[in-house]
């Protein structure tokens, strides 16, 4: 990675923080974000992992509001990991692949099924998940 990752943090309460991850680590209790547009001298925002729904590692902060992300896999495209459908407590559903899902871990990475997604990968907080189904 060439610098801090561009992320969108979504909390379980629905709030969102956009910015750059400074010290993100899977399984950590917290990490820090330099919020989008903040001066380098501005204090970092502390993000408590157990309050989160997911951390989205994104291509850009704006995305395309009219784009409907696909929930199916491209036929014949080689995949890494297992195909999975994740349903959150708020009933949002994401589809992708994972190599590290274990329900007793605090979280896992999910790679979107849709190559054109604004999300490069997502870190899903297990506590925010209602169901995981391998497809």
N, C-alpha and C. Protein backbone atom coordinates (compact mmCIF):
# COMPACT_ATOMS: atom_id res chain seq x y z
N UNK A 1 0.85 -1.17 0.00
CA UNK A 1 0.00 0.00 0.00
C UNK A 1 0.89 1.23 0.00
N UNK A 2 0.51 2.26 -0.72
CA UNK A 2 1.35 3.44 -0.89
C UNK A 2 1.05 4.55 0.11
N UNK A 3 0.16 4.37 0.99
CA UNK A 3 -0.19 5.38 1.98
C UNK A 3 -1.45 4.95 2.69
N UNK A 4 -1.99 5.87 3.50
CA UNK A 4 -3.22 5.51 4.22
C UNK A 4 -4.34 5.12 3.25
N UNK A 5 -5.09 4.09 3.62
CA UNK A 5 -6.19 3.60 2.79
C UNK A 5 -7.39 4.54 2.85
N UNK A 6 -8.03 4.71 1.72
CA UNK A 6 -9.25 5.51 1.61
C UNK A 6 -10.40 4.64 2.09
N UNK A 7 -11.11 5.08 3.15
CA UNK A 7 -12.15 4.25 3.74
C UNK A 7 -13.44 5.03 4.02
N UNK A 8 -14.52 4.27 4.10
CA UNK A 8 -15.79 4.78 4.61
C UNK A 8 -16.13 3.86 5.78
N UNK A 9 -16.28 4.46 6.95
CA UNK A 9 -16.60 3.72 8.16
C UNK A 9 -18.10 3.84 8.41
N UNK A 10 -18.76 2.70 8.54
CA UNK A 10 -20.20 2.72 8.83
C UNK A 10 -20.42 2.11 10.20
N UNK A 11 -21.05 2.91 11.05
CA UNK A 11 -21.35 2.47 12.41
C UNK A 11 -22.67 1.70 12.45
N UNK A 12 -22.86 0.91 13.49
CA UNK A 12 -24.10 0.17 13.66
C UNK A 12 -25.29 1.11 13.85
N UNK A 13 -25.05 2.32 14.36
CA UNK A 13 -26.14 3.28 14.57
C UNK A 13 -26.49 4.05 13.30
N UNK A 14 -25.81 3.75 12.19
CA UNK A 14 -26.11 4.38 10.91
C UNK A 14 -25.20 5.55 10.54
N UNK A 15 -24.42 6.05 11.47
CA UNK A 15 -23.54 7.18 11.13
C UNK A 15 -22.36 6.70 10.29
N UNK A 16 -21.76 7.67 9.58
CA UNK A 16 -20.70 7.38 8.62
C UNK A 16 -19.55 8.36 8.82
N UNK A 17 -18.33 7.87 8.67
CA UNK A 17 -17.13 8.70 8.67
C UNK A 17 -16.35 8.33 7.41
N UNK A 18 -15.94 9.35 6.64
CA UNK A 18 -15.12 9.13 5.44
C UNK A 18 -13.75 9.73 5.70
N UNK A 19 -12.73 9.00 5.29
CA UNK A 19 -11.39 9.52 5.49
C UNK A 19 -10.33 8.50 5.15
N UNK A 20 -9.19 8.64 5.80
CA UNK A 20 -8.03 7.81 5.52
C UNK A 20 -7.62 7.06 6.78
N UNK A 21 -7.54 5.73 6.68
CA UNK A 21 -7.14 4.90 7.82
C UNK A 21 -5.68 5.17 8.15
N UNK A 22 -5.41 5.39 9.39
CA UNK A 22 -4.04 5.67 9.81
C UNK A 22 -3.37 4.44 10.41
N UNK A 23 -4.14 3.62 11.11
CA UNK A 23 -3.53 2.47 11.80
C UNK A 23 -4.50 1.29 11.90
N UNK A 24 -5.28 1.08 10.84
CA UNK A 24 -6.25 0.00 10.84
C UNK A 24 -5.56 -1.36 10.92
N UNK A 25 -6.09 -2.23 11.77
CA UNK A 25 -5.61 -3.61 11.85
C UNK A 25 -6.80 -4.50 12.20
N UNK A 26 -7.02 -5.55 11.43
CA UNK A 26 -8.13 -6.46 11.74
C UNK A 26 -7.98 -6.99 13.17
N UNK A 27 -9.06 -7.01 13.90
CA UNK A 27 -9.03 -7.53 15.25
C UNK A 27 -8.61 -6.52 16.31
N UNK A 28 -8.15 -5.34 15.90
CA UNK A 28 -7.78 -4.31 16.87
C UNK A 28 -9.04 -3.76 17.55
N UNK A 29 -8.89 -3.19 18.72
CA UNK A 29 -10.04 -2.63 19.42
C UNK A 29 -10.45 -1.28 18.84
N UNK A 30 -9.49 -0.56 18.29
CA UNK A 30 -9.78 0.74 17.68
C UNK A 30 -8.70 1.09 16.67
N UNK A 31 -8.99 2.09 15.86
CA UNK A 31 -8.01 2.65 14.95
C UNK A 31 -8.36 4.11 14.76
N UNK A 32 -7.56 4.82 13.98
CA UNK A 32 -7.75 6.26 13.79
C UNK A 32 -7.96 6.60 12.32
N UNK A 33 -8.75 7.65 12.10
CA UNK A 33 -9.06 8.10 10.75
C UNK A 33 -8.79 9.60 10.65
N UNK A 34 -8.11 9.99 9.58
CA UNK A 34 -8.01 11.41 9.24
C UNK A 34 -9.18 11.65 8.31
N UNK A 35 -10.15 12.43 8.82
CA UNK A 35 -11.38 12.63 8.06
C UNK A 35 -11.13 13.36 6.75
N UNK A 36 -11.92 13.01 5.75
CA UNK A 36 -11.83 13.61 4.43
C UNK A 36 -11.89 15.12 4.55
N UNK A 37 -10.96 15.80 3.90
CA UNK A 37 -10.93 17.26 3.90
C UNK A 37 -10.29 17.89 5.13
N UNK A 38 -9.92 17.08 6.11
CA UNK A 38 -9.30 17.61 7.33
C UNK A 38 -7.85 17.99 7.05
N UNK A 39 -7.41 19.05 7.70
CA UNK A 39 -6.01 19.45 7.58
C UNK A 39 -5.13 18.43 8.29
N UNK A 40 -3.90 18.30 7.83
CA UNK A 40 -3.00 17.32 8.44
C UNK A 40 -2.74 17.63 9.91
N UNK A 41 -2.95 18.87 10.33
CA UNK A 41 -2.75 19.22 11.73
C UNK A 41 -3.99 18.94 12.58
N UNK A 42 -5.12 18.61 11.95
CA UNK A 42 -6.36 18.32 12.69
C UNK A 42 -6.22 17.02 13.46
N UNK A 43 -6.88 16.93 14.61
CA UNK A 43 -6.80 15.67 15.37
C UNK A 43 -7.46 14.52 14.60
N UNK A 44 -6.96 13.33 14.82
CA UNK A 44 -7.52 12.15 14.18
C UNK A 44 -8.79 11.72 14.93
N UNK A 45 -9.68 11.07 14.20
CA UNK A 45 -10.90 10.53 14.81
C UNK A 45 -10.62 9.11 15.25
N UNK A 46 -10.89 8.83 16.51
CA UNK A 46 -10.71 7.47 17.04
C UNK A 46 -11.98 6.67 16.74
N UNK A 47 -11.80 5.51 16.14
CA UNK A 47 -12.91 4.65 15.75
C UNK A 47 -12.84 3.37 16.57
N UNK A 48 -13.90 3.10 17.34
CA UNK A 48 -13.96 1.89 18.16
C UNK A 48 -14.59 0.77 17.34
N UNK A 49 -13.84 -0.29 17.12
CA UNK A 49 -14.25 -1.36 16.22
C UNK A 49 -15.61 -1.96 16.58
N UNK A 50 -15.89 -2.20 17.85
CA UNK A 50 -17.13 -2.87 18.25
C UNK A 50 -18.38 -2.02 18.03
N UNK A 51 -18.21 -0.74 17.72
CA UNK A 51 -19.35 0.14 17.40
C UNK A 51 -19.68 0.10 15.91
N UNK A 52 -18.85 -0.58 15.13
CA UNK A 52 -18.97 -0.54 13.68
C UNK A 52 -19.83 -1.65 13.11
N UNK A 53 -20.33 -1.35 11.91
CA UNK A 53 -20.98 -2.34 11.05
C UNK A 53 -19.89 -2.90 10.12
N UNK A 54 -19.16 -1.99 9.47
CA UNK A 54 -18.12 -2.40 8.54
C UNK A 54 -17.22 -1.23 8.19
N UNK A 55 -16.05 -1.57 7.69
CA UNK A 55 -15.11 -0.59 7.14
C UNK A 55 -15.01 -0.90 5.65
N UNK A 56 -15.34 0.08 4.80
CA UNK A 56 -15.32 -0.09 3.36
C UNK A 56 -14.07 0.59 2.81
N UNK A 57 -13.22 -0.18 2.19
CA UNK A 57 -12.02 0.34 1.52
C UNK A 57 -12.48 0.68 0.11
N UNK A 58 -12.50 1.97 -0.22
CA UNK A 58 -13.18 2.44 -1.43
C UNK A 58 -12.21 3.03 -2.46
N UNK A 59 -12.71 3.08 -3.72
CA UNK A 59 -11.96 3.72 -4.80
C UNK A 59 -12.04 5.23 -4.66
N UNK A 60 -13.25 5.73 -4.36
CA UNK A 60 -13.41 7.17 -4.12
C UNK A 60 -14.53 7.39 -3.11
N UNK A 61 -14.58 8.59 -2.54
CA UNK A 61 -15.55 8.90 -1.50
C UNK A 61 -16.95 9.18 -2.04
N UNK A 62 -17.04 9.59 -3.30
CA UNK A 62 -18.33 9.98 -3.87
C UNK A 62 -19.11 8.76 -4.34
N UNK A 63 -18.47 7.85 -5.03
CA UNK A 63 -19.17 6.69 -5.58
C UNK A 63 -20.17 7.13 -6.64
N UNK A 64 -21.06 6.23 -6.99
CA UNK A 64 -22.09 6.53 -7.98
C UNK A 64 -23.43 6.12 -7.37
N UNK A 65 -24.17 7.10 -6.87
CA UNK A 65 -25.43 6.84 -6.19
C UNK A 65 -26.46 6.13 -7.04
N UNK A 66 -26.37 6.24 -8.36
CA UNK A 66 -27.35 5.60 -9.22
C UNK A 66 -26.94 4.18 -9.61
N UNK A 67 -25.71 3.78 -9.28
CA UNK A 67 -25.24 2.44 -9.63
C UNK A 67 -25.78 1.42 -8.63
N UNK A 68 -26.40 0.38 -9.12
CA UNK A 68 -26.92 -0.70 -8.29
C UNK A 68 -25.90 -1.84 -8.30
N UNK A 69 -25.24 -2.06 -7.18
CA UNK A 69 -24.19 -3.07 -7.12
C UNK A 69 -24.74 -4.46 -7.36
N UNK A 70 -24.06 -5.21 -8.22
CA UNK A 70 -24.47 -6.57 -8.54
C UNK A 70 -24.24 -7.52 -7.38
N UNK A 71 -25.10 -8.49 -7.26
CA UNK A 71 -25.01 -9.48 -6.18
C UNK A 71 -24.67 -10.87 -6.72
N UNK A 72 -24.25 -10.94 -7.99
CA UNK A 72 -23.90 -12.24 -8.56
C UNK A 72 -22.46 -12.21 -9.07
N UNK A 73 -21.89 -13.39 -9.22
CA UNK A 73 -20.50 -13.52 -9.63
C UNK A 73 -20.42 -13.65 -11.15
N UNK A 74 -19.31 -13.17 -11.71
CA UNK A 74 -19.08 -13.26 -13.15
C UNK A 74 -18.70 -14.70 -13.46
N UNK A 75 -19.45 -15.33 -14.35
CA UNK A 75 -19.22 -16.71 -14.74
C UNK A 75 -17.82 -16.86 -15.34
N UNK A 76 -17.06 -17.82 -14.86
CA UNK A 76 -15.74 -18.10 -15.40
C UNK A 76 -14.62 -17.27 -14.80
N UNK A 77 -14.95 -16.24 -14.02
CA UNK A 77 -13.91 -15.41 -13.41
C UNK A 77 -13.31 -16.17 -12.22
N UNK A 78 -11.97 -16.31 -12.19
CA UNK A 78 -11.35 -17.00 -11.06
C UNK A 78 -11.59 -16.22 -9.76
N UNK A 79 -11.88 -16.95 -8.71
CA UNK A 79 -12.16 -16.33 -7.42
C UNK A 79 -11.16 -16.79 -6.38
N UNK A 80 -10.96 -15.93 -5.41
CA UNK A 80 -10.11 -16.27 -4.28
C UNK A 80 -11.01 -16.38 -3.06
N UNK A 81 -11.02 -17.52 -2.42
CA UNK A 81 -11.85 -17.70 -1.25
C UNK A 81 -13.20 -18.31 -1.58
N UNK A 82 -14.08 -18.28 -0.60
CA UNK A 82 -15.40 -18.87 -0.74
C UNK A 82 -16.44 -17.80 -1.01
N UNK A 83 -17.43 -18.14 -1.84
CA UNK A 83 -18.54 -17.23 -2.11
C UNK A 83 -19.43 -17.18 -0.88
N UNK A 84 -19.84 -15.97 -0.53
CA UNK A 84 -20.62 -15.81 0.69
C UNK A 84 -21.62 -14.67 0.55
N UNK A 85 -22.74 -14.81 1.23
CA UNK A 85 -23.75 -13.75 1.33
C UNK A 85 -23.82 -13.36 2.79
N UNK A 86 -23.64 -12.07 3.07
CA UNK A 86 -23.65 -11.57 4.44
C UNK A 86 -24.89 -10.71 4.63
N UNK A 87 -25.68 -11.03 5.65
CA UNK A 87 -26.85 -10.23 6.01
C UNK A 87 -26.56 -9.56 7.35
N UNK A 88 -26.64 -8.24 7.36
CA UNK A 88 -26.38 -7.48 8.57
C UNK A 88 -27.63 -7.42 9.46
N UNK A 89 -27.44 -6.98 10.68
CA UNK A 89 -28.56 -6.81 11.62
C UNK A 89 -29.63 -5.87 11.06
N UNK A 90 -29.22 -4.89 10.24
CA UNK A 90 -30.17 -3.94 9.64
C UNK A 90 -30.76 -4.45 8.32
N UNK A 91 -30.49 -5.73 8.00
CA UNK A 91 -30.99 -6.42 6.80
C UNK A 91 -30.31 -6.05 5.49
N UNK A 92 -29.26 -5.21 5.51
CA UNK A 92 -28.49 -4.98 4.29
C UNK A 92 -27.78 -6.30 3.95
N UNK A 93 -27.70 -6.59 2.65
CA UNK A 93 -27.05 -7.82 2.19
C UNK A 93 -25.89 -7.47 1.28
N UNK A 94 -24.73 -8.08 1.54
CA UNK A 94 -23.56 -7.95 0.68
C UNK A 94 -23.17 -9.35 0.21
N UNK A 95 -22.69 -9.41 -1.03
CA UNK A 95 -22.26 -10.68 -1.60
C UNK A 95 -20.82 -10.53 -2.08
N UNK A 96 -20.01 -11.54 -1.79
CA UNK A 96 -18.62 -11.49 -2.22
C UNK A 96 -17.90 -12.77 -1.87
N UNK A 97 -16.60 -12.66 -1.73
CA UNK A 97 -15.78 -13.81 -1.35
C UNK A 97 -14.99 -13.48 -0.10
N UNK A 98 -14.67 -14.53 0.66
CA UNK A 98 -13.86 -14.36 1.86
C UNK A 98 -12.94 -15.56 2.03
N UNK A 99 -11.79 -15.32 2.60
CA UNK A 99 -10.88 -16.41 2.92
C UNK A 99 -10.76 -16.58 4.43
N UNK A 100 -11.38 -15.66 5.19
CA UNK A 100 -11.14 -15.68 6.62
C UNK A 100 -12.36 -15.63 7.51
N UNK A 101 -13.53 -16.08 7.04
CA UNK A 101 -14.69 -16.02 7.92
C UNK A 101 -14.62 -17.10 8.99
N UNK A 102 -14.78 -16.67 10.22
CA UNK A 102 -14.88 -17.56 11.36
C UNK A 102 -15.78 -16.82 12.36
N UNK A 103 -16.94 -17.38 12.70
CA UNK A 103 -17.89 -16.65 13.53
C UNK A 103 -17.39 -16.28 14.91
N UNK A 104 -16.30 -16.88 15.36
CA UNK A 104 -15.78 -16.50 16.68
C UNK A 104 -14.73 -15.39 16.60
N UNK A 105 -14.33 -15.02 15.40
CA UNK A 105 -13.39 -13.89 15.24
C UNK A 105 -14.18 -12.59 15.28
N UNK A 106 -13.52 -11.49 15.61
CA UNK A 106 -14.22 -10.19 15.68
C UNK A 106 -14.65 -9.64 14.33
N UNK A 107 -14.04 -10.12 13.25
CA UNK A 107 -14.40 -9.62 11.92
C UNK A 107 -13.71 -10.41 10.83
N UNK A 108 -14.03 -10.04 9.58
CA UNK A 108 -13.44 -10.73 8.43
C UNK A 108 -13.51 -9.83 7.21
N UNK A 109 -12.64 -10.09 6.24
CA UNK A 109 -12.64 -9.33 5.00
C UNK A 109 -13.58 -9.97 4.00
N UNK A 110 -14.25 -9.12 3.24
CA UNK A 110 -15.15 -9.55 2.17
C UNK A 110 -14.75 -8.77 0.92
N UNK A 111 -14.60 -9.49 -0.19
CA UNK A 111 -14.28 -8.87 -1.47
C UNK A 111 -15.55 -8.91 -2.32
N UNK A 112 -16.00 -7.78 -2.86
CA UNK A 112 -17.29 -7.74 -3.54
C UNK A 112 -17.35 -8.62 -4.79
N UNK A 113 -18.54 -9.19 -5.03
CA UNK A 113 -18.77 -9.99 -6.23
C UNK A 113 -18.70 -9.13 -7.48
N UNK A 114 -19.13 -7.88 -7.36
CA UNK A 114 -19.22 -6.95 -8.49
C UNK A 114 -17.88 -6.23 -8.68
N UNK A 115 -17.21 -6.49 -9.82
CA UNK A 115 -15.91 -5.85 -10.11
C UNK A 115 -16.02 -4.34 -10.25
N UNK A 116 -17.21 -3.84 -10.58
CA UNK A 116 -17.39 -2.40 -10.78
C UNK A 116 -17.82 -1.69 -9.50
N UNK A 117 -17.85 -2.39 -8.41
CA UNK A 117 -18.21 -1.80 -7.12
C UNK A 117 -17.21 -0.71 -6.75
N UNK A 118 -17.67 0.29 -6.05
CA UNK A 118 -16.77 1.31 -5.51
C UNK A 118 -15.94 0.73 -4.37
N UNK A 119 -16.40 -0.37 -3.80
CA UNK A 119 -15.67 -1.04 -2.71
C UNK A 119 -14.59 -1.95 -3.29
N UNK A 120 -13.38 -1.79 -2.79
CA UNK A 120 -12.28 -2.67 -3.18
C UNK A 120 -12.35 -3.93 -2.30
N UNK A 121 -12.56 -3.70 -1.02
CA UNK A 121 -12.77 -4.77 -0.04
C UNK A 121 -13.47 -4.16 1.17
N UNK A 122 -14.01 -5.02 2.01
CA UNK A 122 -14.72 -4.55 3.19
C UNK A 122 -14.28 -5.38 4.39
N UNK A 123 -14.14 -4.73 5.53
CA UNK A 123 -13.91 -5.46 6.78
C UNK A 123 -15.23 -5.46 7.51
N UNK A 124 -15.80 -6.64 7.67
CA UNK A 124 -17.11 -6.81 8.28
C UNK A 124 -16.93 -7.12 9.77
N UNK A 125 -17.61 -6.37 10.63
CA UNK A 125 -17.55 -6.63 12.07
C UNK A 125 -18.60 -7.70 12.40
N UNK A 126 -18.14 -8.83 12.90
CA UNK A 126 -19.00 -9.98 13.13
C UNK A 126 -20.21 -9.64 13.99
N UNK A 127 -20.04 -8.81 14.98
CA UNK A 127 -21.12 -8.42 15.89
C UNK A 127 -22.30 -7.77 15.15
N UNK A 128 -22.05 -7.16 14.01
CA UNK A 128 -23.09 -6.46 13.24
C UNK A 128 -23.80 -7.38 12.24
N UNK A 129 -23.40 -8.65 12.20
CA UNK A 129 -23.93 -9.59 11.21
C UNK A 129 -25.06 -10.43 11.81
N UNK A 130 -26.14 -10.56 11.04
CA UNK A 130 -27.25 -11.44 11.42
C UNK A 130 -27.03 -12.85 10.91
N UNK A 131 -26.55 -12.96 9.64
CA UNK A 131 -26.36 -14.29 9.06
C UNK A 131 -25.28 -14.27 7.99
N UNK A 132 -24.58 -15.38 7.86
CA UNK A 132 -23.60 -15.60 6.79
C UNK A 132 -23.99 -16.91 6.13
N UNK A 133 -24.12 -16.85 4.81
CA UNK A 133 -24.51 -18.05 4.05
C UNK A 133 -23.51 -18.25 2.91
N UNK A 134 -22.89 -19.44 2.88
CA UNK A 134 -22.00 -19.76 1.78
C UNK A 134 -22.85 -20.13 0.58
N UNK A 135 -22.50 -19.54 -0.58
CA UNK A 135 -23.31 -19.76 -1.79
C UNK A 135 -22.51 -20.50 -2.86
